[in-house]
Amino acid sequence: MTMHVLVVDDDPAIREILAIALEDEGHEVSTAEHGAEALVRVDERTPDLVLLDLNMPVLNGWETHARLRARSPRIPVVYMTAGNVARKEAETHQADGFLPKPFDINLLFTLIDSFAP
């Protein structure tokens, strides 16, 4: 099933790689460089899932997550961060999942599929 995924990361290479991989699997993808831009994207079109980096300029992932929850509490948010802290951060901040960096592409697809309606 096609999903609309918002990828939020300050690294343009990560945004591009994830967008290409997800589009190749048939998903629609929007991207944002930081949290403030992500909130604009959500206002433009509500995604089915947000992949959210934590360490970003302008508006970091934790604050972005809090603002997303206040606006649209039903949008699943998956944290993307260094592997050794990804699970802890996701649990601490009640994210819907986590994707450790560096990415395992098969894990990414399995994770995306788990949120399909």
PDB file of N, CA and C in Angstrom:
ATOM      1  N   MET A   1       0.836  -1.188   0.000  1.00  0.00           N
ATOM      2  CA  MET A   1       0.000   0.000   0.000  1.00  0.00           C
ATOM      3  C   MET A   1       0.879   1.249   0.000  1.00  0.00           C
ATOM      4  N   THR A   2       0.504   2.207  -0.792  1.00  0.00           N
ATOM      5  CA  THR A   2       1.256   3.452  -0.890  1.00  0.00           C
ATOM      6  C   THR A   2       1.004   4.315   0.336  1.00  0.00           C
ATOM      7  N   MET A   3       2.093   4.830   0.872  1.00  0.00           N
ATOM      8  CA  MET A   3       2.004   5.739   2.014  1.00  0.00           C
ATOM      9  C   MET A   3       2.689   7.045   1.650  1.00  0.00           C
ATOM     10  N   HIS A   4       2.292   8.120   2.324  1.00  0.00           N
ATOM     11  CA  HIS A   4       2.986   9.392   2.183  1.00  0.00           C
ATOM     12  C   HIS A   4       3.910   9.533   3.389  1.00  0.00           C
ATOM     13  N   VAL A   5       5.217   9.539   3.122  1.00  0.00           N
ATOM     14  CA  VAL A   5       6.221   9.576   4.183  1.00  0.00           C
ATOM     15  C   VAL A   5       6.937  10.916   4.139  1.00  0.00           C
ATOM     16  N   LEU A   6       7.046  11.558   5.296  1.00  0.00           N
ATOM     17  CA  LEU A   6       7.822  12.792   5.427  1.00  0.00           C
ATOM     18  C   LEU A   6       9.164  12.439   6.042  1.00  0.00           C
ATOM     19  N   VAL A   7      10.244  12.733   5.322  1.00  0.00           N
ATOM     20  CA  VAL A   7      11.608  12.475   5.788  1.00  0.00           C
ATOM     21  C   VAL A   7      12.198  13.796   6.243  1.00  0.00           C
ATOM     22  N   VAL A   8      12.594  13.866   7.525  1.00  0.00           N
ATOM     23  CA  VAL A   8      13.129  15.099   8.096  1.00  0.00           C
ATOM     24  C   VAL A   8      14.554  14.838   8.564  1.00  0.00           C
ATOM     25  N   ASP A   9      15.518  15.450   7.882  1.00  0.00           N
ATOM     26  CA  ASP A   9      16.927  15.261   8.226  1.00  0.00           C
ATOM     27  C   ASP A   9      17.711  16.428   7.650  1.00  0.00           C
ATOM     28  N   ASP A  10      18.678  16.937   8.411  1.00  0.00           N
ATOM     29  CA  ASP A  10      19.471  18.065   7.923  1.00  0.00           C
ATOM     30  C   ASP A  10      20.542  17.649   6.917  1.00  0.00           C
ATOM     31  N   ASP A  11      20.767  16.362   6.755  1.00  0.00           N
ATOM     32  CA  ASP A  11      21.753  15.861   5.799  1.00  0.00           C
ATOM     33  C   ASP A  11      21.066  15.624   4.452  1.00  0.00           C
ATOM     34  N   PRO A  12      21.428  16.406   3.426  1.00  0.00           N
ATOM     35  CA  PRO A  12      20.758  16.247   2.134  1.00  0.00           C
ATOM     36  C   PRO A  12      20.954  14.863   1.515  1.00  0.00           C
ATOM     37  N   ALA A  13      22.080  14.233   1.752  1.00  0.00           N
ATOM     38  CA  ALA A  13      22.324  12.893   1.204  1.00  0.00           C
ATOM     39  C   ALA A  13      21.367  11.876   1.813  1.00  0.00           C
ATOM     40  N   ILE A  14      21.124  11.975   3.102  1.00  0.00           N
ATOM     41  CA  ILE A  14      20.186  11.049   3.762  1.00  0.00           C
ATOM     42  C   ILE A  14      18.771  11.277   3.239  1.00  0.00           C
ATOM     43  N   ARG A  15      18.373  12.537   3.111  1.00  0.00           N
ATOM     44  CA  ARG A  15      17.040  12.821   2.564  1.00  0.00           C
ATOM     45  C   ARG A  15      16.890  12.225   1.168  1.00  0.00           C
ATOM     46  N   GLU A  16      17.910  12.403   0.350  1.00  0.00           N
ATOM     47  CA  GLU A  16      17.841  11.916  -1.019  1.00  0.00           C
ATOM     48  C   GLU A  16      17.816  10.391  -1.085  1.00  0.00           C
ATOM     49  N   ILE A  17      18.681   9.739  -0.329  1.00  0.00           N
ATOM     50  CA  ILE A  17      18.732   8.267  -0.326  1.00  0.00           C
ATOM     51  C   ILE A  17      17.406   7.680   0.142  1.00  0.00           C
ATOM     52  N   LEU A  18      16.873   8.215   1.226  1.00  0.00           N
ATOM     53  CA  LEU A  18      15.602   7.698   1.735  1.00  0.00           C
ATOM     54  C   LEU A  18      14.460   7.977   0.760  1.00  0.00           C
ATOM     55  N   ALA A  19      14.449   9.160   0.175  1.00  0.00           N
ATOM     56  CA  ALA A  19      13.392   9.491  -0.782  1.00  0.00           C
ATOM     57  C   ALA A  19      13.433   8.543  -1.978  1.00  0.00           C
ATOM     58  N   ILE A  20      14.613   8.305  -2.516  1.00  0.00           N
ATOM     59  CA  ILE A  20      14.738   7.411  -3.665  1.00  0.00           C
ATOM     60  C   ILE A  20      14.301   5.991  -3.297  1.00  0.00           C
ATOM     61  N   ALA A  21      14.798   5.506  -2.169  1.00  0.00           N
ATOM     62  CA  ALA A  21      14.462   4.135  -1.748  1.00  0.00           C
ATOM     63  C   ALA A  21      12.961   3.977  -1.534  1.00  0.00           C
ATOM     64  N   LEU A  22      12.337   4.941  -0.877  1.00  0.00           N
ATOM     65  CA  LEU A  22      10.907   4.849  -0.596  1.00  0.00           C
ATOM     66  C   LEU A  22      10.068   5.015  -1.859  1.00  0.00           C
ATOM     67  N   GLU A  23      10.476   5.925  -2.737  1.00  0.00           N
ATOM     68  CA  GLU A  23       9.757   6.103  -3.998  1.00  0.00           C
ATOM     69  C   GLU A  23       9.875   4.855  -4.866  1.00  0.00           C
ATOM     70  N   ASP A  24      11.048   4.218  -4.855  1.00  0.00           N
ATOM     71  CA  ASP A  24      11.225   2.972  -5.607  1.00  0.00           C
ATOM     72  C   ASP A  24      10.295   1.872  -5.104  1.00  0.00           C
ATOM     73  N   GLU A  25       9.896   1.954  -3.842  1.00  0.00           N
ATOM     74  CA  GLU A  25       8.960   0.981  -3.265  1.00  0.00           C
ATOM     75  C   GLU A  25       7.503   1.413  -3.458  1.00  0.00           C
ATOM     76  N   GLY A  26       7.303   2.533  -4.149  1.00  0.00           N
ATOM     77  CA  GLY A  26       5.953   2.970  -4.469  1.00  0.00           C
ATOM     78  C   GLY A  26       5.345   3.984  -3.523  1.00  0.00           C
ATOM     79  N   HIS A  27       6.127   4.500  -2.588  1.00  0.00           N
ATOM     80  CA  HIS A  27       5.601   5.473  -1.631  1.00  0.00           C
ATOM     81  C   HIS A  27       5.774   6.895  -2.149  1.00  0.00           C
ATOM     82  N   GLU A  28       4.941   7.787  -1.650  1.00  0.00           N
ATOM     83  CA  GLU A  28       5.096   9.212  -1.916  1.00  0.00           C
ATOM     84  C   GLU A  28       5.957   9.782  -0.806  1.00  0.00           C
ATOM     85  N   VAL A  29       6.871  10.683  -1.150  1.00  0.00           N
ATOM     86  CA  VAL A  29       7.809  11.199  -0.164  1.00  0.00           C
ATOM     87  C   VAL A  29       7.870  12.718  -0.232  1.00  0.00           C
ATOM     88  N   SER A  30       7.827  13.340   0.937  1.00  0.00           N
ATOM     89  CA  SER A  30       8.134  14.751   1.096  1.00  0.00           C
ATOM     90  C   SER A  30       9.368  14.814   1.985  1.00  0.00           C
ATOM     91  N   THR A  31      10.137  15.875   1.850  1.00  0.00           N
ATOM     92  CA  THR A  31      11.329  16.008   2.684  1.00  0.00           C
ATOM     93  C   THR A  31      11.367  17.385   3.328  1.00  0.00           C
ATOM     94  N   ALA A  32      12.104  17.448   4.427  1.00  0.00           N
ATOM     95  CA  ALA A  32      12.325  18.710   5.127  1.00  0.00           C
ATOM     96  C   ALA A  32      13.725  18.690   5.719  1.00  0.00           C
ATOM     97  N   GLU A  33      14.367  19.850   5.715  1.00  0.00           N
ATOM     98  CA  GLU A  33      15.751  19.981   6.189  1.00  0.00           C
ATOM     99  C   GLU A  33      15.843  20.099   7.704  1.00  0.00           C
ATOM    100  N   HIS A  34      14.774  20.553   8.330  1.00  0.00           N
ATOM    101  CA  HIS A  34      14.757  20.728   9.790  1.00  0.00           C
ATOM    102  C   HIS A  34      13.315  20.728  10.270  1.00  0.00           C
ATOM    103  N   GLY A  35      13.146  20.791  11.563  1.00  0.00           N
ATOM    104  CA  GLY A  35      11.825  20.676  12.144  1.00  0.00           C
ATOM    105  C   GLY A  35      10.846  21.758  11.750  1.00  0.00           C
ATOM    106  N   ALA A  36      11.326  22.996  11.648  1.00  0.00           N
ATOM    107  CA  ALA A  36      10.426  24.083  11.267  1.00  0.00           C
ATOM    108  C   ALA A  36       9.863  23.844   9.868  1.00  0.00           C
ATOM    109  N   GLU A  37      10.720  23.389   8.954  1.00  0.00           N
ATOM    110  CA  GLU A  37      10.263  23.073   7.602  1.00  0.00           C
ATOM    111  C   GLU A  37       9.313  21.871   7.632  1.00  0.00           C
ATOM    112  N   ALA A  38       9.566  20.922   8.497  1.00  0.00           N
ATOM    113  CA  ALA A  38       8.698  19.748   8.613  1.00  0.00           C
ATOM    114  C   ALA A  38       7.280  20.159   9.017  1.00  0.00           C
ATOM    115  N   LEU A  39       7.165  21.091   9.934  1.00  0.00           N
ATOM    116  CA  LEU A  39       5.841  21.544  10.370  1.00  0.00           C
ATOM    117  C   LEU A  39       5.085  22.211   9.219  1.00  0.00           C
ATOM    118  N   VAL A  40       5.801  22.933   8.371  1.00  0.00           N
ATOM    119  CA  VAL A  40       5.181  23.530   7.185  1.00  0.00           C
ATOM    120  C   VAL A  40       4.688  22.422   6.255  1.00  0.00           C
ATOM    121  N   ARG A  41       5.513  21.401   6.052  1.00  0.00           N
ATOM    122  CA  ARG A  41       5.122  20.276   5.173  1.00  0.00           C
ATOM    123  C   ARG A  41       3.868  19.577   5.713  1.00  0.00           C
ATOM    124  N   VAL A  42       3.803  19.395   7.030  1.00  0.00           N
ATOM    125  CA  VAL A  42       2.637  18.741   7.632  1.00  0.00           C
ATOM    126  C   VAL A  42       1.389  19.598   7.441  1.00  0.00           C
ATOM    127  N   ASP A  43       1.542  20.920   7.534  1.00  0.00           N
ATOM    128  CA  ASP A  43       0.402  21.807   7.299  1.00  0.00           C
ATOM    129  C   ASP A  43      -0.058  21.745   5.843  1.00  0.00           C
ATOM    130  N   GLU A  44       0.881  21.533   4.914  1.00  0.00           N
ATOM    131  CA  GLU A  44       0.551  21.434   3.495  1.00  0.00           C
ATOM    132  C   GLU A  44      -0.176  20.128   3.177  1.00  0.00           C
ATOM    133  N   ARG A  45       0.314  19.049   3.770  1.00  0.00           N
ATOM    134  CA  ARG A  45      -0.273  17.728   3.533  1.00  0.00           C
ATOM    135  C   ARG A  45       0.124  16.804   4.682  1.00  0.00           C
ATOM    136  N   THR A  46      -0.857  16.240   5.349  1.00  0.00           N
ATOM    137  CA  THR A  46      -0.585  15.366   6.482  1.00  0.00           C
ATOM    138  C   THR A  46       0.006  14.045   5.984  1.00  0.00           C
ATOM    139  N   PRO A  47       1.198  13.707   6.474  1.00  0.00           N
ATOM    140  CA  PRO A  47       1.808  12.437   6.060  1.00  0.00           C
ATOM    141  C   PRO A  47       1.209  11.259   6.833  1.00  0.00           C
ATOM    142  N   ASP A  48       1.445  10.065   6.293  1.00  0.00           N
ATOM    143  CA  ASP A  48       1.044   8.847   6.989  1.00  0.00           C
ATOM    144  C   ASP A  48       2.087   8.435   8.014  1.00  0.00           C
ATOM    145  N   LEU A  49       3.322   8.943   7.842  1.00  0.00           N
ATOM    146  CA  LEU A  49       4.440   8.581   8.708  1.00  0.00           C
ATOM    147  C   LEU A  49       5.509   9.656   8.599  1.00  0.00           C
ATOM    148  N   VAL A  50       6.165   9.952   9.723  1.00  0.00           N
ATOM    149  CA  VAL A  50       7.284  10.890   9.732  1.00  0.00           C
ATOM    150  C   VAL A  50       8.534  10.154  10.189  1.00  0.00           C
ATOM    151  N   LEU A  51       9.591  10.218   9.366  1.00  0.00           N
ATOM    152  CA  LEU A  51      10.918   9.728   9.749  1.00  0.00           C
ATOM    153  C   LEU A  51      11.697  10.956  10.186  1.00  0.00           C
ATOM    154  N   LEU A  52      12.070  11.013  11.455  1.00  0.00           N
ATOM    155  CA  LEU A  52      12.566  12.242  12.068  1.00  0.00           C
ATOM    156  C   LEU A  52      13.956  12.090  12.666  1.00  0.00           C
ATOM    157  N   ASP A  53      14.907  12.846  12.105  1.00  0.00           N
ATOM    158  CA  ASP A  53      16.241  12.937  12.698  1.00  0.00           C
ATOM    159  C   ASP A  53      16.114  13.746  13.991  1.00  0.00           C
ATOM    160  N   LEU A  54      17.008  13.513  14.929  1.00  0.00           N
ATOM    161  CA  LEU A  54      16.927  14.221  16.203  1.00  0.00           C
ATOM    162  C   LEU A  54      17.847  15.431  16.283  1.00  0.00           C
ATOM    163  N   ASN A  55      19.052  15.304  15.781  1.00  0.00           N
ATOM    164  CA  ASN A  55      20.033  16.385  15.880  1.00  0.00           C
ATOM    165  C   ASN A  55      20.029  17.220  14.612  1.00  0.00           C
ATOM    166  N   MET A  56      19.266  18.318  14.663  1.00  0.00           N
ATOM    167  CA  MET A  56      19.137  19.212  13.513  1.00  0.00           C
ATOM    168  C   MET A  56      19.173  20.655  13.987  1.00  0.00           C
ATOM    169  N   PRO A  57      19.612  21.557  13.100  1.00  0.00           N
ATOM    170  CA  PRO A  57      19.551  22.983  13.443  1.00  0.00           C
ATOM    171  C   PRO A  57      18.116  23.501  13.315  1.00  0.00           C
ATOM    172  N   VAL A  58      17.900  24.702  13.701  1.00  0.00           N
ATOM    173  CA  VAL A  58      16.637  25.443  13.615  1.00  0.00           C
ATOM    174  C   VAL A  58      15.616  24.897  14.614  1.00  0.00           C
ATOM    175  N   LEU A  59      15.195  23.660  14.446  1.00  0.00           N
ATOM    176  CA  LEU A  59      14.250  23.038  15.372  1.00  0.00           C
ATOM    177  C   LEU A  59      14.597  21.552  15.425  1.00  0.00           C
ATOM    178  N   ASN A  60      15.092  21.108  16.567  1.00  0.00           N
ATOM    179  CA  ASN A  60      15.571  19.717  16.664  1.00  0.00           C
ATOM    180  C   ASN A  60      14.410  18.723  16.649  1.00  0.00           C
ATOM    181  N   GLY A  61      14.772  17.450  16.599  1.00  0.00           N
ATOM    182  CA  GLY A  61      13.774  16.400  16.487  1.00  0.00           C
ATOM    183  C   GLY A  61      12.844  16.287  17.679  1.00  0.00           C
ATOM    184  N   TRP A  62      13.376  16.473  18.873  1.00  0.00           N
ATOM    185  CA  TRP A  62      12.540  16.341  20.077  1.00  0.00           C
ATOM    186  C   TRP A  62      11.455  17.414  20.100  1.00  0.00           C
ATOM    187  N   GLU A  63      11.838  18.648  19.817  1.00  0.00           N
ATOM    188  CA  GLU A  63      10.870  19.747  19.811  1.00  0.00           C
ATOM    189  C   GLU A  63       9.892  19.591  18.640  1.00  0.00           C
ATOM    190  N   THR A  64      10.402  19.152  17.505  1.00  0.00           N
ATOM    191  CA  THR A  64       9.534  18.902  16.347  1.00  0.00           C
ATOM    192  C   THR A  64       8.488  17.850  16.698  1.00  0.00           C
ATOM    193  N   HIS A  65       8.929  16.771  17.346  1.00  0.00           N
ATOM    194  CA  HIS A  65       8.014  15.700  17.745  1.00  0.00           C
ATOM    195  C   HIS A  65       6.931  16.249  18.675  1.00  0.00           C
ATOM    196  N   ALA A  66       7.326  17.047  19.637  1.00  0.00           N
ATOM    197  CA  ALA A  66       6.349  17.614  20.577  1.00  0.00           C
ATOM    198  C   ALA A  66       5.322  18.475  19.840  1.00  0.00           C
ATOM    199  N   ARG A  67       5.782  19.266  18.897  1.00  0.00           N
ATOM    200  CA  ARG A  67       4.859  20.139  18.150  1.00  0.00           C
ATOM    201  C   ARG A  67       3.964  19.324  17.204  1.00  0.00           C
ATOM    202  N   LEU A  68       4.520  18.274  16.625  1.00  0.00           N
ATOM    203  CA  LEU A  68       3.705  17.397  15.780  1.00  0.00           C
ATOM    204  C   LEU A  68       2.603  16.735  16.593  1.00  0.00           C
ATOM    205  N   ARG A  69       2.954  16.252  17.782  1.00  0.00           N
ATOM    206  CA  ARG A  69       1.966  15.596  18.653  1.00  0.00           C
ATOM    207  C   ARG A  69       0.848  16.571  19.036  1.00  0.00           C
ATOM    208  N   ALA A  70       1.213  17.823  19.276  1.00  0.00           N
ATOM    209  CA  ALA A  70       0.205  18.815  19.642  1.00  0.00           C
ATOM    210  C   ALA A  70      -0.744  19.098  18.477  1.00  0.00           C
ATOM    211  N   ARG A  71      -0.218  19.064  17.259  1.00  0.00           N
ATOM    212  CA  ARG A  71      -1.029  19.352  16.069  1.00  0.00           C
ATOM    213  C   ARG A  71      -1.798  18.137  15.585  1.00  0.00           C
ATOM    214  N   SER A  72      -1.106  17.034  15.465  1.00  0.00           N
ATOM    215  CA  SER A  72      -1.680  15.828  14.861  1.00  0.00           C
ATOM    216  C   SER A  72      -1.217  14.603  15.626  1.00  0.00           C
ATOM    217  N   PRO A  73      -1.841  14.305  16.756  1.00  0.00           N
ATOM    218  CA  PRO A  73      -1.353  13.220  17.617  1.00  0.00           C
ATOM    219  C   PRO A  73      -1.383  11.837  16.980  1.00  0.00           C
ATOM    220  N   ARG A  74      -2.082  11.669  15.879  1.00  0.00           N
ATOM    221  CA  ARG A  74      -2.196  10.343  15.279  1.00  0.00           C
ATOM    222  C   ARG A  74      -1.119  10.039  14.237  1.00  0.00           C
ATOM    223  N   ILE A  75      -0.310  11.016  13.855  1.00  0.00           N
ATOM    224  CA  ILE A  75       0.740  10.759  12.874  1.00  0.00           C
ATOM    225  C   ILE A  75       1.858   9.971  13.559  1.00  0.00           C
ATOM    226  N   PRO A  76       2.174   8.777  13.059  1.00  0.00           N
ATOM    227  CA  PRO A  76       3.287   8.022  13.639  1.00  0.00           C
ATOM    228  C   PRO A  76       4.621   8.726  13.356  1.00  0.00           C
ATOM    229  N   VAL A  77       5.463   8.772  14.384  1.00  0.00           N
ATOM    230  CA  VAL A  77       6.780   9.397  14.271  1.00  0.00           C
ATOM    231  C   VAL A  77       7.838   8.366  14.634  1.00  0.00           C
ATOM    232  N   VAL A  78       8.791   8.196  13.716  1.00  0.00           N
ATOM    233  CA  VAL A  78       9.895   7.260  13.912  1.00  0.00           C
ATOM    234  C   VAL A  78      11.184   8.068  14.000  1.00  0.00           C
ATOM    235  N   TYR A  79      11.915   7.869  15.096  1.00  0.00           N
ATOM    236  CA  TYR A  79      13.189   8.565  15.275  1.00  0.00           C
ATOM    237  C   TYR A  79      14.279   7.902  14.451  1.00  0.00           C
ATOM    238  N   MET A  80      15.111   8.742  13.836  1.00  0.00           N
ATOM    239  CA  MET A  80      16.300   8.275  13.125  1.00  0.00           C
ATOM    240  C   MET A  80      17.503   8.900  13.816  1.00  0.00           C
ATOM    241  N   THR A  81      18.358   8.060  14.397  1.00  0.00           N
ATOM    242  CA  THR A  81      19.534   8.589  15.067  1.00  0.00           C
ATOM    243  C   THR A  81      20.555   7.477  15.222  1.00  0.00           C
ATOM    244  N   ALA A  82      21.704   7.812  15.800  1.00  0.00           N
ATOM    245  CA  ALA A  82      22.785   6.833  15.958  1.00  0.00           C
ATOM    246  C   ALA A  82      22.264   5.570  16.642  1.00  0.00           C
ATOM    247  N   GLY A  83      22.691   4.422  16.142  1.00  0.00           N
ATOM    248  CA  GLY A  83      22.179   3.128  16.575  1.00  0.00           C
ATOM    249  C   GLY A  83      22.173   2.885  18.065  1.00  0.00           C
ATOM    250  N   ASN A  84      23.199   3.344  18.778  1.00  0.00           N
ATOM    251  CA  ASN A  84      23.287   3.024  20.200  1.00  0.00           C
ATOM    252  C   ASN A  84      22.325   3.827  21.070  1.00  0.00           C
ATOM    253  N   VAL A  85      21.739   4.888  20.535  1.00  0.00           N
ATOM    254  CA  VAL A  85      20.791   5.668  21.337  1.00  0.00           C
ATOM    255  C   VAL A  85      19.381   5.692  20.750  1.00  0.00           C
ATOM    256  N   ALA A  86      19.208   5.133  19.563  1.00  0.00           N
ATOM    257  CA  ALA A  86      17.921   5.228  18.876  1.00  0.00           C
ATOM    258  C   ALA A  86      16.777   4.649  19.699  1.00  0.00           C
ATOM    259  N   ARG A  87      16.949   3.435  20.188  1.00  0.00           N
ATOM    260  CA  ARG A  87      15.876   2.792  20.954  1.00  0.00           C
ATOM    261  C   ARG A  87      15.579   3.571  22.235  1.00  0.00           C
ATOM    262  N   LYS A  88      16.607   3.984  22.950  1.00  0.00           N
ATOM    263  CA  LYS A  88      16.412   4.714  24.206  1.00  0.00           C
ATOM    264  C   LYS A  88      15.673   6.028  23.975  1.00  0.00           C
ATOM    265  N   GLU A  89      16.088   6.776  22.966  1.00  0.00           N
ATOM    266  CA  GLU A  89      15.432   8.048  22.669  1.00  0.00           C
ATOM    267  C   GLU A  89      13.971   7.824  22.281  1.00  0.00           C
ATOM    268  N   ALA A  90      13.710   6.826  21.470  1.00  0.00           N
ATOM    269  CA  ALA A  90      12.342   6.536  21.048  1.00  0.00           C
ATOM    270  C   ALA A  90      11.463   6.177  22.242  1.00  0.00           C
ATOM    271  N   GLU A  91      11.994   5.375  23.145  1.00  0.00           N
ATOM    272  CA  GLU A  91      11.221   4.987  24.328  1.00  0.00           C
ATOM    273  C   GLU A  91      11.018   6.172  25.266  1.00  0.00           C
ATOM    274  N   THR A  92      12.072   6.936  25.502  1.00  0.00           N
ATOM    275  CA  THR A  92      12.000   8.079  26.411  1.00  0.00           C
ATOM    276  C   THR A  92      10.964   9.101  25.957  1.00  0.00           C
ATOM    277  N   HIS A  93      10.917   9.351  24.656  1.00  0.00           N
ATOM    278  CA  HIS A  93      10.042  10.401  24.122  1.00  0.00           C
ATOM    279  C   HIS A  93       8.778   9.851  23.473  1.00  0.00           C
ATOM    280  N   GLN A  94       8.515   8.572  23.689  1.00  0.00           N
ATOM    281  CA  GLN A  94       7.300   7.918  23.221  1.00  0.00           C
ATOM    282  C   GLN A  94       7.097   8.048  21.713  1.00  0.00           C
ATOM    283  N   ALA A  95       8.192   7.863  20.975  1.00  0.00           N
ATOM    284  CA  ALA A  95       8.084   7.796  19.519  1.00  0.00           C
ATOM    285  C   ALA A  95       7.440   6.463  19.156  1.00  0.00           C
ATOM    286  N   ASP A  96       6.959   6.379  17.950  1.00  0.00           N
ATOM    287  CA  ASP A  96       6.278   5.168  17.499  1.00  0.00           C
ATOM    288  C   ASP A  96       7.247   4.099  17.007  1.00  0.00           C
ATOM    289  N   GLY A  97       8.509   4.471  16.886  1.00  0.00           N
ATOM    290  CA  GLY A  97       9.523   3.529  16.452  1.00  0.00           C
ATOM    291  C   GLY A  97      10.859   4.219  16.303  1.00  0.00           C
ATOM    292  N   PHE A  98      11.850   3.448  15.898  1.00  0.00           N
ATOM    293  CA  PHE A  98      13.173   4.028  15.691  1.00  0.00           C
ATOM    294  C   PHE A  98      13.866   3.317  14.543  1.00  0.00           C
ATOM    295  N   LEU A  99      14.744   4.054  13.884  1.00  0.00           N
ATOM    296  CA  LEU A  99      15.536   3.536  12.786  1.00  0.00           C
ATOM    297  C   LEU A  99      16.977   3.949  13.059  1.00  0.00           C
ATOM    298  N   PRO A 100      17.814   2.990  13.462  1.00  0.00           N
ATOM    299  CA  PRO A 100      19.196   3.354  13.783  1.00  0.00           C
ATOM    300  C   PRO A 100      19.996   3.724  12.540  1.00  0.00           C
ATOM    301  N   LYS A 101      20.868   4.710  12.706  1.00  0.00           N
ATOM    302  CA  LYS A 101      21.826   5.073  11.663  1.00  0.00           C
ATOM    303  C   LYS A 101      23.135   4.379  11.986  1.00  0.00           C
ATOM    304  N   PRO A 102      23.874   3.871  11.011  1.00  0.00           N
ATOM    305  CA  PRO A 102      23.541   3.859   9.596  1.00  0.00           C
ATOM    306  C   PRO A 102      22.379   2.915   9.316  1.00  0.00           C
ATOM    307  N   PHE A 103      21.666   3.198   8.223  1.00  0.00           N
ATOM    308  CA  PHE A 103      20.436   2.490   7.907  1.00  0.00           C
ATOM    309  C   PHE A 103      20.676   1.111   7.340  1.00  0.00           C
ATOM    310  N   ASP A 104      19.801   0.213   7.725  1.00  0.00           N
ATOM    311  CA  ASP A 104      19.669  -1.085   7.073  1.00  0.00           C
ATOM    312  C   ASP A 104      18.414  -0.947   6.215  1.00  0.00           C
ATOM    313  N   ILE A 105      18.569  -0.985   4.891  1.00  0.00           N
ATOM    314  CA  ILE A 105      17.463  -0.716   3.985  1.00  0.00           C
ATOM    315  C   ILE A 105      16.312  -1.704   4.169  1.00  0.00           C
ATOM    316  N   ASN A 106      16.623  -2.946   4.478  1.00  0.00           N
ATOM    317  CA  ASN A 106      15.554  -3.929   4.710  1.00  0.00           C
ATOM    318  C   ASN A 106      14.778  -3.606   5.978  1.00  0.00           C
ATOM    319  N   LEU A 107      15.477  -3.143   7.001  1.00  0.00           N
ATOM    320  CA  LEU A 107      14.808  -2.715   8.231  1.00  0.00           C
ATOM    321  C   LEU A 107      13.899  -1.519   7.948  1.00  0.00           C
ATOM    322  N   LEU A 108      14.368  -0.612   7.120  1.00  0.00           N
ATOM    323  CA  LEU A 108      13.558   0.541   6.742  1.00  0.00           C
ATOM    324  C   LEU A 108      12.244   0.086   6.110  1.00  0.00           C
ATOM    325  N   PHE A 109      12.323  -0.822   5.133  1.00  0.00           N
ATOM    326  CA  PHE A 109      11.115  -1.273   4.448  1.00  0.00           C
ATOM    327  C   PHE A 109      10.186  -2.036   5.390  1.00  0.00           C
ATOM    328  N   THR A 110      10.743  -2.848   6.269  1.00  0.00           N
ATOM    329  CA  THR A 110       9.934  -3.574   7.244  1.00  0.00           C
ATOM    330  C   THR A 110       9.226  -2.599   8.173  1.00  0.00           C
ATOM    331  N   LEU A 111       9.956  -1.578   8.604  1.00  0.00           N
ATOM    332  CA  LEU A 111       9.392  -0.559   9.491  1.00  0.00           C
ATOM    333  C   LEU A 111       8.255   0.186   8.791  1.00  0.00           C
ATOM    334  N   ILE A 112       8.485   0.612   7.570  1.00  0.00           N
ATOM    335  CA  ILE A 112       7.452   1.337   6.820  1.00  0.00           C
ATOM    336  C   ILE A 112       6.206   0.454   6.678  1.00  0.00           C
ATOM    337  N   ASP A 113       6.412  -0.802   6.313  1.00  0.00           N
ATOM    338  CA  ASP A 113       5.278  -1.728   6.142  1.00  0.00           C
ATOM    339  C   ASP A 113       4.481  -1.907   7.423  1.00  0.00           C
ATOM    340  N   SER A 114       5.159  -1.823   8.573  1.00  0.00           N
ATOM    341  CA  SER A 114       4.454  -2.017   9.842  1.00  0.00           C
ATOM    342  C   SER A 114       3.477  -0.888  10.145  1.00  0.00           C
ATOM    343  N   PHE A 115       3.612   0.250   9.468  1.00  0.00           N
ATOM    344  CA  PHE A 115       2.709   1.372   9.678  1.00  0.00           C
ATOM    345  C   PHE A 115       1.647   1.494   8.599  1.00  0.00           C
ATOM    346  N   ALA A 116       1.683   0.606   7.617  1.00  0.00           N
ATOM    347  CA  ALA A 116       0.694   0.651   6.532  1.00  0.00           C
ATOM    348  C   ALA A 116      -0.694   0.374   7.091  1.00  0.00           C
ATOM    349  N   PRO A 117      -1.673   1.151   6.641  1.00  0.00           N
ATOM    350  CA  PRO A 117      -3.039   0.943   7.141  1.00  0.00           C
ATOM    351  C   PRO A 117      -3.632  -0.385   6.695  1.00  0.00           C
TER     352      PRO A 117
END
